[in-house]
Amino acid sequence: MVDLYNQIPEFKEDHHDPEVIARNISEGWTKNYVIENNGEYVAAASTVCENSFSAMISAVCTIESHKKKRYATKCLENLIHDLQTEGKTLCLFYDSEEAGRIYKRLGFKDIEKWNVSTL
């Protein structure tokens, strides 16, 4: 996962700790759906802040060389299906128009605008 995230320009500033990722998966706080090609993860969709009632979609990505193949969409479709089967309410934040079109095509609706401030 860390190798994948490090190839995504929007994620370059984030610190991706493999131990934290593994712990979050094993403790049920996150799910990670991936597409693998020749032993390399090329796309993913994950959850964060997951609990028994809800989950936030996060870290939806595809490496540049595999874009436009619907890989991230396939990850999302499977993730959404499984979360809805569990009866969870889903939410996400996005700032990319391209991502917004994908999310809306999958049934998400914009409800509010959000701003994040770093002090």
PDB file of N, CA and C in Angstrom:
ATOM      1  N   MET A   1       0.828  -1.190   0.000  1.00  0.00           N
ATOM      2  CA  MET A   1       0.000   0.000   0.000  1.00  0.00           C
ATOM      3  C   MET A   1       0.873   1.255   0.000  1.00  0.00           C
ATOM      4  N   VAL A   2       1.927   1.220   0.797  1.00  0.00           N
ATOM      5  CA  VAL A   2       2.797   2.386   0.888  1.00  0.00           C
ATOM      6  C   VAL A   2       3.424   2.699  -0.469  1.00  0.00           C
ATOM      7  N   ASP A   3       3.881   1.670  -1.190  1.00  0.00           N
ATOM      8  CA  ASP A   3       4.466   1.891  -2.513  1.00  0.00           C
ATOM      9  C   ASP A   3       3.455   2.530  -3.459  1.00  0.00           C
ATOM     10  N   LEU A   4       2.216   2.062  -3.405  1.00  0.00           N
ATOM     11  CA  LEU A   4       1.158   2.650  -4.241  1.00  0.00           C
ATOM     12  C   LEU A   4       0.953   4.111  -3.869  1.00  0.00           C
ATOM     13  N   TYR A   5       0.726   4.371  -2.588  1.00  0.00           N
ATOM     14  CA  TYR A   5       0.468   5.745  -2.150  1.00  0.00           C
ATOM     15  C   TYR A   5       1.601   6.698  -2.509  1.00  0.00           C
ATOM     16  N   ASN A   6       2.827   6.215  -2.441  1.00  0.00           N
ATOM     17  CA  ASN A   6       3.970   7.073  -2.766  1.00  0.00           C
ATOM     18  C   ASN A   6       4.044   7.437  -4.246  1.00  0.00           C
ATOM     19  N   GLN A   7       3.281   6.744  -5.090  1.00  0.00           N
ATOM     20  CA  GLN A   7       3.255   7.058  -6.522  1.00  0.00           C
ATOM     21  C   GLN A   7       2.122   8.011  -6.892  1.00  0.00           C
ATOM     22  N   ILE A   8       1.316   8.392  -5.924  1.00  0.00           N
ATOM     23  CA  ILE A   8       0.167   9.256  -6.177  1.00  0.00           C
ATOM     24  C   ILE A   8       0.528  10.684  -5.785  1.00  0.00           C
ATOM     25  N   PRO A   9       0.577  11.601  -6.763  1.00  0.00           N
ATOM     26  CA  PRO A   9       1.013  12.971  -6.462  1.00  0.00           C
ATOM     27  C   PRO A   9       0.248  13.625  -5.308  1.00  0.00           C
ATOM     28  N   GLU A  10      -1.071  13.406  -5.233  1.00  0.00           N
ATOM     29  CA  GLU A  10      -1.869  14.028  -4.172  1.00  0.00           C
ATOM     30  C   GLU A  10      -1.528  13.489  -2.796  1.00  0.00           C
ATOM     31  N   PHE A  11      -0.891  12.335  -2.715  1.00  0.00           N
ATOM     32  CA  PHE A  11      -0.574  11.710  -1.435  1.00  0.00           C
ATOM     33  C   PHE A  11       0.885  11.907  -1.029  1.00  0.00           C
ATOM     34  N   LYS A  12       1.664  12.605  -1.834  1.00  0.00           N
ATOM     35  CA  LYS A  12       3.105  12.736  -1.578  1.00  0.00           C
ATOM     36  C   LYS A  12       3.416  13.326  -0.207  1.00  0.00           C
ATOM     37  N   GLU A  13       2.602  14.262   0.247  1.00  0.00           N
ATOM     38  CA  GLU A  13       2.870  14.935   1.512  1.00  0.00           C
ATOM     39  C   GLU A  13       2.493  14.093   2.725  1.00  0.00           C
ATOM     40  N   ASP A  14       1.699  13.063   2.511  1.00  0.00           N
ATOM     41  CA  ASP A  14       1.221  12.234   3.622  1.00  0.00           C
ATOM     42  C   ASP A  14       2.294  11.242   4.045  1.00  0.00           C
ATOM     43  N   HIS A  15       2.279  10.920   5.323  1.00  0.00           N
ATOM     44  CA  HIS A  15       3.187   9.899   5.851  1.00  0.00           C
ATOM     45  C   HIS A  15       2.416   8.585   5.907  1.00  0.00           C
ATOM     46  N   HIS A  16       2.922   7.564   5.232  1.00  0.00           N
ATOM     47  CA  HIS A  16       2.236   6.270   5.171  1.00  0.00           C
ATOM     48  C   HIS A  16       3.080   5.244   5.918  1.00  0.00           C
ATOM     49  N   ASP A  17       2.632   4.894   7.100  1.00  0.00           N
ATOM     50  CA  ASP A  17       3.346   3.959   7.954  1.00  0.00           C
ATOM     51  C   ASP A  17       2.761   2.561   7.761  1.00  0.00           C
ATOM     52  N   PRO A  18       3.547   1.613   7.237  1.00  0.00           N
ATOM     53  CA  PRO A  18       3.013   0.265   6.990  1.00  0.00           C
ATOM     54  C   PRO A  18       2.495  -0.414   8.251  1.00  0.00           C
ATOM     55  N   GLU A  19       3.108  -0.154   9.394  1.00  0.00           N
ATOM     56  CA  GLU A  19       2.640  -0.754  10.653  1.00  0.00           C
ATOM     57  C   GLU A  19       1.258  -0.222  11.037  1.00  0.00           C
ATOM     58  N   VAL A  20       1.037   1.065  10.827  1.00  0.00           N
ATOM     59  CA  VAL A  20      -0.259   1.661  11.135  1.00  0.00           C
ATOM     60  C   VAL A  20      -1.323   1.108  10.184  1.00  0.00           C
ATOM     61  N   ILE A  21      -0.992   1.010   8.911  1.00  0.00           N
ATOM     62  CA  ILE A  21      -1.929   0.455   7.926  1.00  0.00           C
ATOM     63  C   ILE A  21      -2.309  -0.966   8.322  1.00  0.00           C
ATOM     64  N   ALA A  22      -1.327  -1.793   8.645  1.00  0.00           N
ATOM     65  CA  ALA A  22      -1.588  -3.194   9.023  1.00  0.00           C
ATOM     66  C   ALA A  22      -2.431  -3.270  10.297  1.00  0.00           C
ATOM     67  N   ARG A  23      -2.122  -2.446  11.287  1.00  0.00           N
ATOM     68  CA  ARG A  23      -2.883  -2.453  12.538  1.00  0.00           C
ATOM     69  C   ARG A  23      -4.323  -2.021  12.299  1.00  0.00           C
ATOM     70  N   ASN A  24      -4.529  -0.987  11.507  1.00  0.00           N
ATOM     71  CA  ASN A  24      -5.877  -0.509  11.234  1.00  0.00           C
ATOM     72  C   ASN A  24      -6.719  -1.568  10.519  1.00  0.00           C
ATOM     73  N   ILE A  25      -6.088  -2.324   9.623  1.00  0.00           N
ATOM     74  CA  ILE A  25      -6.798  -3.408   8.938  1.00  0.00           C
ATOM     75  C   ILE A  25      -7.136  -4.513   9.929  1.00  0.00           C
ATOM     76  N   SER A  26      -6.146  -4.944  10.711  1.00  0.00           N
ATOM     77  CA  SER A  26      -6.365  -6.078  11.619  1.00  0.00           C
ATOM     78  C   SER A  26      -7.378  -5.740  12.715  1.00  0.00           C
ATOM     79  N   GLU A  27      -7.484  -4.470  13.097  1.00  0.00           N
ATOM     80  CA  GLU A  27      -8.428  -4.082  14.143  1.00  0.00           C
ATOM     81  C   GLU A  27      -9.792  -3.677  13.584  1.00  0.00           C
ATOM     82  N   GLY A  28      -9.956  -3.773  12.254  1.00  0.00           N
ATOM     83  CA  GLY A  28     -11.256  -3.509  11.642  1.00  0.00           C
ATOM     84  C   GLY A  28     -11.602  -2.046  11.479  1.00  0.00           C
ATOM     85  N   TRP A  29     -10.630  -1.167  11.560  1.00  0.00           N
ATOM     86  CA  TRP A  29     -10.886   0.269  11.420  1.00  0.00           C
ATOM     87  C   TRP A  29     -10.837   0.718   9.975  1.00  0.00           C
ATOM     88  N   THR A  30     -10.332  -0.136   9.105  1.00  0.00           N
ATOM     89  CA  THR A  30     -10.200   0.222   7.701  1.00  0.00           C
ATOM     90  C   THR A  30     -10.287  -1.031   6.842  1.00  0.00           C
ATOM     91  N   LYS A  31     -10.689  -0.821   5.612  1.00  0.00           N
ATOM     92  CA  LYS A  31     -10.646  -1.860   4.591  1.00  0.00           C
ATOM     93  C   LYS A  31      -9.868  -1.282   3.420  1.00  0.00           C
ATOM     94  N   ASN A  32      -9.163  -2.127   2.706  1.00  0.00           N
ATOM     95  CA  ASN A  32      -8.417  -1.688   1.530  1.00  0.00           C
ATOM     96  C   ASN A  32      -8.718  -2.646   0.386  1.00  0.00           C
ATOM     97  N   TYR A  33      -9.276  -2.114  -0.692  1.00  0.00           N
ATOM     98  CA  TYR A  33      -9.546  -2.895  -1.893  1.00  0.00           C
ATOM     99  C   TYR A  33      -8.553  -2.428  -2.945  1.00  0.00           C
ATOM    100  N   VAL A  34      -7.874  -3.379  -3.578  1.00  0.00           N
ATOM    101  CA  VAL A  34      -6.809  -3.027  -4.510  1.00  0.00           C
ATOM    102  C   VAL A  34      -6.946  -3.803  -5.819  1.00  0.00           C
ATOM    103  N   ILE A  35      -6.327  -3.248  -6.843  1.00  0.00           N
ATOM    104  CA  ILE A  35      -6.112  -3.940  -8.116  1.00  0.00           C
ATOM    105  C   ILE A  35      -4.614  -4.154  -8.214  1.00  0.00           C
ATOM    106  N   GLU A  36      -4.231  -5.382  -8.493  1.00  0.00           N
ATOM    107  CA  GLU A  36      -2.821  -5.740  -8.605  1.00  0.00           C
ATOM    108  C   GLU A  36      -2.520  -6.104 -10.057  1.00  0.00           C
ATOM    109  N   ASN A  37      -1.374  -5.654 -10.531  1.00  0.00           N
ATOM    110  CA  ASN A  37      -0.927  -5.966 -11.886  1.00  0.00           C
ATOM    111  C   ASN A  37       0.548  -6.326 -11.815  1.00  0.00           C
ATOM    112  N   ASN A  38       0.876  -7.552 -12.201  1.00  0.00           N
ATOM    113  CA  ASN A  38       2.263  -8.024 -12.185  1.00  0.00           C
ATOM    114  C   ASN A  38       2.924  -7.814 -10.826  1.00  0.00           C
ATOM    115  N   GLY A  39       2.193  -8.124  -9.759  1.00  0.00           N
ATOM    116  CA  GLY A  39       2.748  -8.032  -8.409  1.00  0.00           C
ATOM    117  C   GLY A  39       2.805  -6.645  -7.819  1.00  0.00           C
ATOM    118  N   GLU A  40       2.233  -5.668  -8.518  1.00  0.00           N
ATOM    119  CA  GLU A  40       2.266  -4.279  -8.048  1.00  0.00           C
ATOM    120  C   GLU A  40       0.831  -3.776  -7.881  1.00  0.00           C
ATOM    121  N   TYR A  41       0.552  -3.122  -6.749  1.00  0.00           N
ATOM    122  CA  TYR A  41      -0.747  -2.479  -6.583  1.00  0.00           C
ATOM    123  C   TYR A  41      -0.789  -1.262  -7.495  1.00  0.00           C
ATOM    124  N   VAL A  42      -1.850  -1.172  -8.309  1.00  0.00           N
ATOM    125  CA  VAL A  42      -1.957  -0.060  -9.252  1.00  0.00           C
ATOM    126  C   VAL A  42      -3.164   0.836  -8.981  1.00  0.00           C
ATOM    127  N   ALA A  43      -4.105   0.363  -8.161  1.00  0.00           N
ATOM    128  CA  ALA A  43      -5.283   1.157  -7.817  1.00  0.00           C
ATOM    129  C   ALA A  43      -5.806   0.675  -6.477  1.00  0.00           C
ATOM    130  N   ALA A  44      -6.524   1.575  -5.797  1.00  0.00           N
ATOM    131  CA  ALA A  44      -7.067   1.209  -4.485  1.00  0.00           C
ATOM    132  C   ALA A  44      -8.233   2.114  -4.113  1.00  0.00           C
ATOM    133  N   ALA A  45      -9.018   1.618  -3.180  1.00  0.00           N
ATOM    134  CA  ALA A  45     -10.033   2.409  -2.483  1.00  0.00           C
ATOM    135  C   ALA A  45     -10.075   1.855  -1.070  1.00  0.00           C
ATOM    136  N   SER A  46     -10.151   2.738  -0.105  1.00  0.00           N
ATOM    137  CA  SER A  46     -10.065   2.322   1.297  1.00  0.00           C
ATOM    138  C   SER A  46     -11.131   3.014   2.130  1.00  0.00           C
ATOM    139  N   THR A  47     -11.224   2.573   3.378  1.00  0.00           N
ATOM    140  CA  THR A  47     -12.051   3.269   4.354  1.00  0.00           C
ATOM    141  C   THR A  47     -11.157   3.769   5.473  1.00  0.00           C
ATOM    142  N   VAL A  48     -11.641   4.781   6.150  1.00  0.00           N
ATOM    143  CA  VAL A  48     -11.045   5.261   7.400  1.00  0.00           C
ATOM    144  C   VAL A  48     -12.204   5.530   8.346  1.00  0.00           C
ATOM    145  N   CYS A  49     -11.901   5.688   9.605  1.00  0.00           N
ATOM    146  CA  CYS A  49     -12.929   6.020  10.604  1.00  0.00           C
ATOM    147  C   CYS A  49     -14.089   5.037  10.554  1.00  0.00           C
ATOM    148  N   GLU A  50     -13.788   3.783  10.288  1.00  0.00           N
ATOM    149  CA  GLU A  50     -14.859   2.796  10.177  1.00  0.00           C
ATOM    150  C   GLU A  50     -15.304   2.344  11.567  1.00  0.00           C
ATOM    151  N   ASN A  51     -16.619   2.227  11.731  1.00  0.00           N
ATOM    152  CA  ASN A  51     -17.189   1.711  12.970  1.00  0.00           C
ATOM    153  C   ASN A  51     -18.374   0.818  12.610  1.00  0.00           C
ATOM    154  N   SER A  52     -19.142   0.399  13.569  1.00  0.00           N
ATOM    155  CA  SER A  52     -20.232  -0.551  13.283  1.00  0.00           C
ATOM    156  C   SER A  52     -21.391   0.090  12.528  1.00  0.00           C
ATOM    157  N   PHE A  53     -21.437   1.419  12.445  1.00  0.00           N
ATOM    158  CA  PHE A  53     -22.541   2.114  11.787  1.00  0.00           C
ATOM    159  C   PHE A  53     -22.168   2.791  10.478  1.00  0.00           C
ATOM    160  N   SER A  54     -20.899   3.185  10.346  1.00  0.00           N
ATOM    161  CA  SER A  54     -20.533   4.014   9.199  1.00  0.00           C
ATOM    162  C   SER A  54     -19.070   3.813   8.804  1.00  0.00           C
ATOM    163  N   ALA A  55     -18.756   4.374   7.642  1.00  0.00           N
ATOM    164  CA  ALA A  55     -17.372   4.348   7.156  1.00  0.00           C
ATOM    165  C   ALA A  55     -17.165   5.528   6.219  1.00  0.00           C
ATOM    166  N   MET A  56     -15.965   6.053   6.229  1.00  0.00           N
ATOM    167  CA  MET A  56     -15.591   7.119   5.319  1.00  0.00           C
ATOM    168  C   MET A  56     -14.702   6.530   4.223  1.00  0.00           C
ATOM    169  N   ILE A  57     -15.069   6.788   2.977  1.00  0.00           N
ATOM    170  CA  ILE A  57     -14.266   6.357   1.840  1.00  0.00           C
ATOM    171  C   ILE A  57     -13.043   7.268   1.759  1.00  0.00           C
ATOM    172  N   SER A  58     -11.887   6.672   1.513  1.00  0.00           N
ATOM    173  CA  SER A  58     -10.647   7.444   1.500  1.00  0.00           C
ATOM    174  C   SER A  58      -9.633   6.786   0.566  1.00  0.00           C
ATOM    175  N   ALA A  59      -8.604   7.533   0.228  1.00  0.00           N
ATOM    176  CA  ALA A  59      -7.441   7.016  -0.510  1.00  0.00           C
ATOM    177  C   ALA A  59      -7.837   6.271  -1.775  1.00  0.00           C
ATOM    178  N   VAL A  60      -8.764   6.848  -2.531  1.00  0.00           N
ATOM    179  CA  VAL A  60      -9.122   6.292  -3.832  1.00  0.00           C
ATOM    180  C   VAL A  60      -8.074   6.777  -4.826  1.00  0.00           C
ATOM    181  N   CYS A  61      -7.420   5.837  -5.486  1.00  0.00           N
ATOM    182  CA  CYS A  61      -6.312   6.260  -6.345  1.00  0.00           C
ATOM    183  C   CYS A  61      -5.981   5.212  -7.401  1.00  0.00           C
ATOM    184  N   THR A  62      -5.299   5.677  -8.440  1.00  0.00           N
ATOM    185  CA  THR A  62      -4.746   4.833  -9.495  1.00  0.00           C
ATOM    186  C   THR A  62      -3.429   5.460  -9.927  1.00  0.00           C
ATOM    187  N   ILE A  63      -2.408   4.627 -10.105  1.00  0.00           N
ATOM    188  CA  ILE A  63      -1.151   5.188 -10.591  1.00  0.00           C
ATOM    189  C   ILE A  63      -1.342   5.654 -12.031  1.00  0.00           C
ATOM    190  N   GLU A  64      -0.574   6.641 -12.414  1.00  0.00           N
ATOM    191  CA  GLU A  64      -0.732   7.312 -13.707  1.00  0.00           C
ATOM    192  C   GLU A  64      -0.753   6.347 -14.887  1.00  0.00           C
ATOM    193  N   SER A  65       0.118   5.354 -14.887  1.00  0.00           N
ATOM    194  CA  SER A  65       0.221   4.446 -16.031  1.00  0.00           C
ATOM    195  C   SER A  65      -0.980   3.516 -16.194  1.00  0.00           C
ATOM    196  N   HIS A  66      -1.888   3.499 -15.216  1.00  0.00           N
ATOM    197  CA  HIS A  66      -3.059   2.625 -15.294  1.00  0.00           C
ATOM    198  C   HIS A  66      -4.383   3.386 -15.221  1.00  0.00           C
ATOM    199  N   LYS A  67      -4.332   4.703 -15.348  1.00  0.00           N
ATOM    200  CA  LYS A  67      -5.570   5.488 -15.322  1.00  0.00           C
ATOM    201  C   LYS A  67      -6.406   5.200 -16.558  1.00  0.00           C
ATOM    202  N   LYS A  68      -7.686   5.526 -16.444  1.00  0.00           N
ATOM    203  CA  LYS A  68      -8.672   5.365 -17.524  1.00  0.00           C
ATOM    204  C   LYS A  68      -8.975   3.907 -17.831  1.00  0.00           C
ATOM    205  N   LYS A  69      -8.723   3.020 -16.870  1.00  0.00           N
ATOM    206  CA  LYS A  69      -9.054   1.599 -17.029  1.00  0.00           C
ATOM    207  C   LYS A  69     -10.172   1.185 -16.075  1.00  0.00           C
ATOM    208  N   ARG A  70     -10.719   2.170 -15.333  1.00  0.00           N
ATOM    209  CA  ARG A  70     -11.800   1.950 -14.363  1.00  0.00           C
ATOM    210  C   ARG A  70     -11.362   1.139 -13.152  1.00  0.00           C
ATOM    211  N   TYR A  71     -10.064   1.067 -12.882  1.00  0.00           N
ATOM    212  CA  TYR A  71      -9.587   0.272 -11.758  1.00  0.00           C
ATOM    213  C   TYR A  71     -10.065   0.823 -10.418  1.00  0.00           C
ATOM    214  N   ALA A  72      -9.928   2.126 -10.208  1.00  0.00           N
ATOM    215  CA  ALA A  72     -10.380   2.715  -8.942  1.00  0.00           C
ATOM    216  C   ALA A  72     -11.891   2.554  -8.806  1.00  0.00           C
ATOM    217  N   THR A  73     -12.615   2.691  -9.909  1.00  0.00           N
ATOM    218  CA  THR A  73     -14.064   2.503  -9.879  1.00  0.00           C
ATOM    219  C   THR A  73     -14.410   1.080  -9.464  1.00  0.00           C
ATOM    220  N   LYS A  74     -13.709   0.100  -9.985  1.00  0.00           N
ATOM    221  CA  LYS A  74     -13.953  -1.299  -9.603  1.00  0.00           C
ATOM    222  C   LYS A  74     -13.688  -1.514  -8.110  1.00  0.00           C
ATOM    223  N   CYS A  75     -12.604  -0.930  -7.611  1.00  0.00           N
ATOM    224  CA  CYS A  75     -12.326  -1.026  -6.172  1.00  0.00           C
ATOM    225  C   CYS A  75     -13.474  -0.416  -5.376  1.00  0.00           C
ATOM    226  N   LEU A  76     -13.907   0.766  -5.793  1.00  0.00           N
ATOM    227  CA  LEU A  76     -15.004   1.454  -5.108  1.00  0.00           C
ATOM    228  C   LEU A  76     -16.295   0.652  -5.156  1.00  0.00           C
ATOM    229  N   GLU A  77     -16.638   0.112  -6.323  1.00  0.00           N
ATOM    230  CA  GLU A  77     -17.880  -0.651  -6.449  1.00  0.00           C
ATOM    231  C   GLU A  77     -17.902  -1.814  -5.466  1.00  0.00           C
ATOM    232  N   ASN A  78     -16.805  -2.539  -5.363  1.00  0.00           N
ATOM    233  CA  ASN A  78     -16.742  -3.673  -4.442  1.00  0.00           C
ATOM    234  C   ASN A  78     -16.760  -3.221  -2.984  1.00  0.00           C
ATOM    235  N   LEU A  79     -16.032  -2.169  -2.686  1.00  0.00           N
ATOM    236  CA  LEU A  79     -16.006  -1.630  -1.330  1.00  0.00           C
ATOM    237  C   LEU A  79     -17.394  -1.156  -0.918  1.00  0.00           C
ATOM    238  N   ILE A  80     -18.042  -0.380  -1.777  1.00  0.00           N
ATOM    239  CA  ILE A  80     -19.382   0.134  -1.489  1.00  0.00           C
ATOM    240  C   ILE A  80     -20.356  -1.022  -1.280  1.00  0.00           C
ATOM    241  N   HIS A  81     -20.310  -2.010  -2.153  1.00  0.00           N
ATOM    242  CA  HIS A  81     -21.207  -3.166  -2.024  1.00  0.00           C
ATOM    243  C   HIS A  81     -21.043  -3.830  -0.658  1.00  0.00           C
ATOM    244  N   ASP A  82     -19.809  -4.099  -0.285  1.00  0.00           N
ATOM    245  CA  ASP A  82     -19.569  -4.781   0.987  1.00  0.00           C
ATOM    246  C   ASP A  82     -19.999  -3.940   2.188  1.00  0.00           C
ATOM    247  N   LEU A  83     -19.723  -2.648   2.139  1.00  0.00           N
ATOM    248  CA  LEU A  83     -20.118  -1.769   3.246  1.00  0.00           C
ATOM    249  C   LEU A  83     -21.636  -1.650   3.350  1.00  0.00           C
ATOM    250  N   GLN A  84     -22.304  -1.550   2.211  1.00  0.00           N
ATOM    251  CA  GLN A  84     -23.759  -1.478   2.242  1.00  0.00           C
ATOM    252  C   GLN A  84     -24.362  -2.796   2.721  1.00  0.00           C
ATOM    253  N   THR A  85     -23.743  -3.913   2.360  1.00  0.00           N
ATOM    254  CA  THR A  85     -24.194  -5.218   2.836  1.00  0.00           C
ATOM    255  C   THR A  85     -24.095  -5.282   4.362  1.00  0.00           C
ATOM    256  N   GLU A  86     -23.088  -4.612   4.918  1.00  0.00           N
ATOM    257  CA  GLU A  86     -22.932  -4.544   6.373  1.00  0.00           C
ATOM    258  C   GLU A  86     -23.882  -3.529   7.007  1.00  0.00           C
ATOM    259  N   GLY A  87     -24.645  -2.807   6.187  1.00  0.00           N
ATOM    260  CA  GLY A  87     -25.604  -1.833   6.696  1.00  0.00           C
ATOM    261  C   GLY A  87     -24.986  -0.513   7.115  1.00  0.00           C
ATOM    262  N   LYS A  88     -23.809  -0.213   6.593  1.00  0.00           N
ATOM    263  CA  LYS A  88     -23.109   1.010   7.006  1.00  0.00           C
ATOM    264  C   LYS A  88     -23.501   2.208   6.145  1.00  0.00           C
ATOM    265  N   THR A  89     -23.537   3.372   6.770  1.00  0.00           N
ATOM    266  CA  THR A  89     -23.717   4.634   6.086  1.00  0.00           C
ATOM    267  C   THR A  89     -22.348   5.092   5.599  1.00  0.00           C
ATOM    268  N   LEU A  90     -22.282   5.558   4.358  1.00  0.00           N
ATOM    269  CA  LEU A  90     -20.994   5.940   3.760  1.00  0.00           C
ATOM    270  C   LEU A  90     -20.918   7.445   3.563  1.00  0.00           C
ATOM    271  N   CYS A  91     -19.713   7.970   3.694  1.00  0.00           N
ATOM    272  CA  CYS A  91     -19.458   9.369   3.379  1.00  0.00           C
ATOM    273  C   CYS A  91     -18.061   9.480   2.797  1.00  0.00           C
ATOM    274  N   LEU A  92     -17.803  10.613   2.180  1.00  0.00           N
ATOM    275  CA  LEU A  92     -16.462  10.893   1.653  1.00  0.00           C
ATOM    276  C   LEU A  92     -16.315  12.381   1.419  1.00  0.00           C
ATOM    277  N   PHE A  93     -15.081  12.807   1.311  1.00  0.00           N
ATOM    278  CA  PHE A  93     -14.745  14.175   0.957  1.00  0.00           C
ATOM    279  C   PHE A  93     -13.912  14.106  -0.318  1.00  0.00           C
ATOM    280  N   TYR A  94     -14.101  15.075  -1.196  1.00  0.00           N
ATOM    281  CA  TYR A  94     -13.270  15.110  -2.396  1.00  0.00           C
ATOM    282  C   TYR A  94     -13.083  16.554  -2.836  1.00  0.00           C
ATOM    283  N   ASP A  95     -12.014  16.787  -3.576  1.00  0.00           N
ATOM    284  CA  ASP A  95     -11.796  18.125  -4.124  1.00  0.00           C
ATOM    285  C   ASP A  95     -11.451  18.080  -5.607  1.00  0.00           C
ATOM    286  N   SER A  96     -11.494  16.910  -6.195  1.00  0.00           N
ATOM    287  CA  SER A  96     -11.205  16.744  -7.613  1.00  0.00           C
ATOM    288  C   SER A  96     -12.517  16.576  -8.377  1.00  0.00           C
ATOM    289  N   GLU A  97     -12.702  17.371  -9.422  1.00  0.00           N
ATOM    290  CA  GLU A  97     -13.916  17.244 -10.232  1.00  0.00           C
ATOM    291  C   GLU A  97     -14.006  15.863 -10.874  1.00  0.00           C
ATOM    292  N   GLU A  98     -12.880  15.320 -11.299  1.00  0.00           N
ATOM    293  CA  GLU A  98     -12.864  13.982 -11.901  1.00  0.00           C
ATOM    294  C   GLU A  98     -13.354  12.938 -10.885  1.00  0.00           C
ATOM    295  N   ALA A  99     -12.853  13.027  -9.659  1.00  0.00           N
ATOM    296  CA  ALA A  99     -13.297  12.109  -8.609  1.00  0.00           C
ATOM    297  C   ALA A  99     -14.776  12.307  -8.321  1.00  0.00           C
ATOM    298  N   GLY A 100     -15.229  13.554  -8.271  1.00  0.00           N
ATOM    299  CA  GLY A 100     -16.631  13.845  -8.014  1.00  0.00           C
ATOM    300  C   GLY A 100     -17.544  13.196  -9.041  1.00  0.00           C
ATOM    301  N   ARG A 101     -17.153  13.210 -10.307  1.00  0.00           N
ATOM    302  CA  ARG A 101     -17.966  12.568 -11.348  1.00  0.00           C
ATOM    303  C   ARG A 101     -18.076  11.065 -11.098  1.00  0.00           C
ATOM    304  N   ILE A 102     -16.986  10.435 -10.684  1.00  0.00           N
ATOM    305  CA  ILE A 102     -17.012   8.994 -10.383  1.00  0.00           C
ATOM    306  C   ILE A 102     -17.933   8.732  -9.197  1.00  0.00           C
ATOM    307  N   TYR A 103     -17.765   9.500  -8.119  1.00  0.00           N
ATOM    308  CA  TYR A 103     -18.572   9.286  -6.921  1.00  0.00           C
ATOM    309  C   TYR A 103     -20.060   9.475  -7.221  1.00  0.00           C
ATOM    310  N   LYS A 104     -20.397  10.498  -7.974  1.00  0.00           N
ATOM    311  CA  LYS A 104     -21.803  10.747  -8.302  1.00  0.00           C
ATOM    312  C   LYS A 104     -22.362   9.627  -9.183  1.00  0.00           C
ATOM    313  N   ARG A 105     -21.568   9.126 -10.103  1.00  0.00           N
ATOM    314  CA  ARG A 105     -21.994   8.013 -10.948  1.00  0.00           C
ATOM    315  C   ARG A 105     -22.299   6.769 -10.105  1.00  0.00           C
ATOM    316  N   LEU A 106     -21.616   6.641  -8.963  1.00  0.00           N
ATOM    317  CA  LEU A 106     -21.815   5.503  -8.077  1.00  0.00           C
ATOM    318  C   LEU A 106     -22.905   5.747  -7.025  1.00  0.00           C
ATOM    319  N   GLY A 107     -23.548   6.914  -7.090  1.00  0.00           N
ATOM    320  CA  GLY A 107     -24.689   7.169  -6.215  1.00  0.00           C
ATOM    321  C   GLY A 107     -24.479   8.170  -5.098  1.00  0.00           C
ATOM    322  N   PHE A 108     -23.276   8.688  -4.938  1.00  0.00           N
ATOM    323  CA  PHE A 108     -23.051   9.700  -3.900  1.00  0.00           C
ATOM    324  C   PHE A 108     -23.641  11.028  -4.351  1.00  0.00           C
ATOM    325  N   LYS A 109     -24.064  11.820  -3.380  1.00  0.00           N
ATOM    326  CA  LYS A 109     -24.608  13.142  -3.653  1.00  0.00           C
ATOM    327  C   LYS A 109     -23.867  14.173  -2.813  1.00  0.00           C
ATOM    328  N   ASP A 110     -23.628  15.343  -3.408  1.00  0.00           N
ATOM    329  CA  ASP A 110     -23.048  16.447  -2.645  1.00  0.00           C
ATOM    330  C   ASP A 110     -24.098  16.953  -1.667  1.00  0.00           C
ATOM    331  N   ILE A 111     -23.688  17.154  -0.403  1.00  0.00           N
ATOM    332  CA  ILE A 111     -24.634  17.696   0.563  1.00  0.00           C
ATOM    333  C   ILE A 111     -24.164  19.015   1.158  1.00  0.00           C
ATOM    334  N   GLU A 112     -22.881  19.242   1.208  1.00  0.00           N
ATOM    335  CA  GLU A 112     -22.354  20.479   1.783  1.00  0.00           C
ATOM    336  C   GLU A 112     -20.960  20.726   1.231  1.00  0.00           C
ATOM    337  N   LYS A 113     -20.495  21.926   1.388  1.00  0.00           N
ATOM    338  CA  LYS A 113     -19.106  22.286   1.093  1.00  0.00           C
ATOM    339  C   LYS A 113     -18.360  22.307   2.427  1.00  0.00           C
ATOM    340  N   TRP A 114     -17.133  21.815   2.422  1.00  0.00           N
ATOM    341  CA  TRP A 114     -16.327  21.772   3.636  1.00  0.00           C
ATOM    342  C   TRP A 114     -15.024  22.496   3.399  1.00  0.00           C
ATOM    343  N   ASN A 115     -14.517  23.087   4.450  1.00  0.00           N
ATOM    344  CA  ASN A 115     -13.210  23.709   4.425  1.00  0.00           C
ATOM    345  C   ASN A 115     -12.380  23.132   5.555  1.00  0.00           C
ATOM    346  N   VAL A 116     -11.089  22.982   5.300  1.00  0.00           N
ATOM    347  CA  VAL A 116     -10.175  22.490   6.325  1.00  0.00           C
ATOM    348  C   VAL A 116      -9.162  23.576   6.593  1.00  0.00           C
ATOM    349  N   SER A 117      -8.920  23.834   7.855  1.00  0.00           N
ATOM    350  CA  SER A 117      -7.953  24.856   8.243  1.00  0.00           C
ATOM    351  C   SER A 117      -6.842  24.203   9.051  1.00  0.00           C
ATOM    352  N   THR A 118      -5.626  24.569   8.733  1.00  0.00           N
ATOM    353  CA  THR A 118      -4.502  24.112   9.535  1.00  0.00           C
ATOM    354  C   THR A 118      -3.949  25.313  10.274  1.00  0.00           C
ATOM    355  N   LEU A 119      -3.907  25.198  11.558  1.00  0.00           N
ATOM    356  CA  LEU A 119      -3.433  26.321  12.394  1.00  0.00           C
ATOM    357  C   LEU A 119      -2.031  26.093  12.856  1.00  0.00           C
TER     358      LEU A 119
END
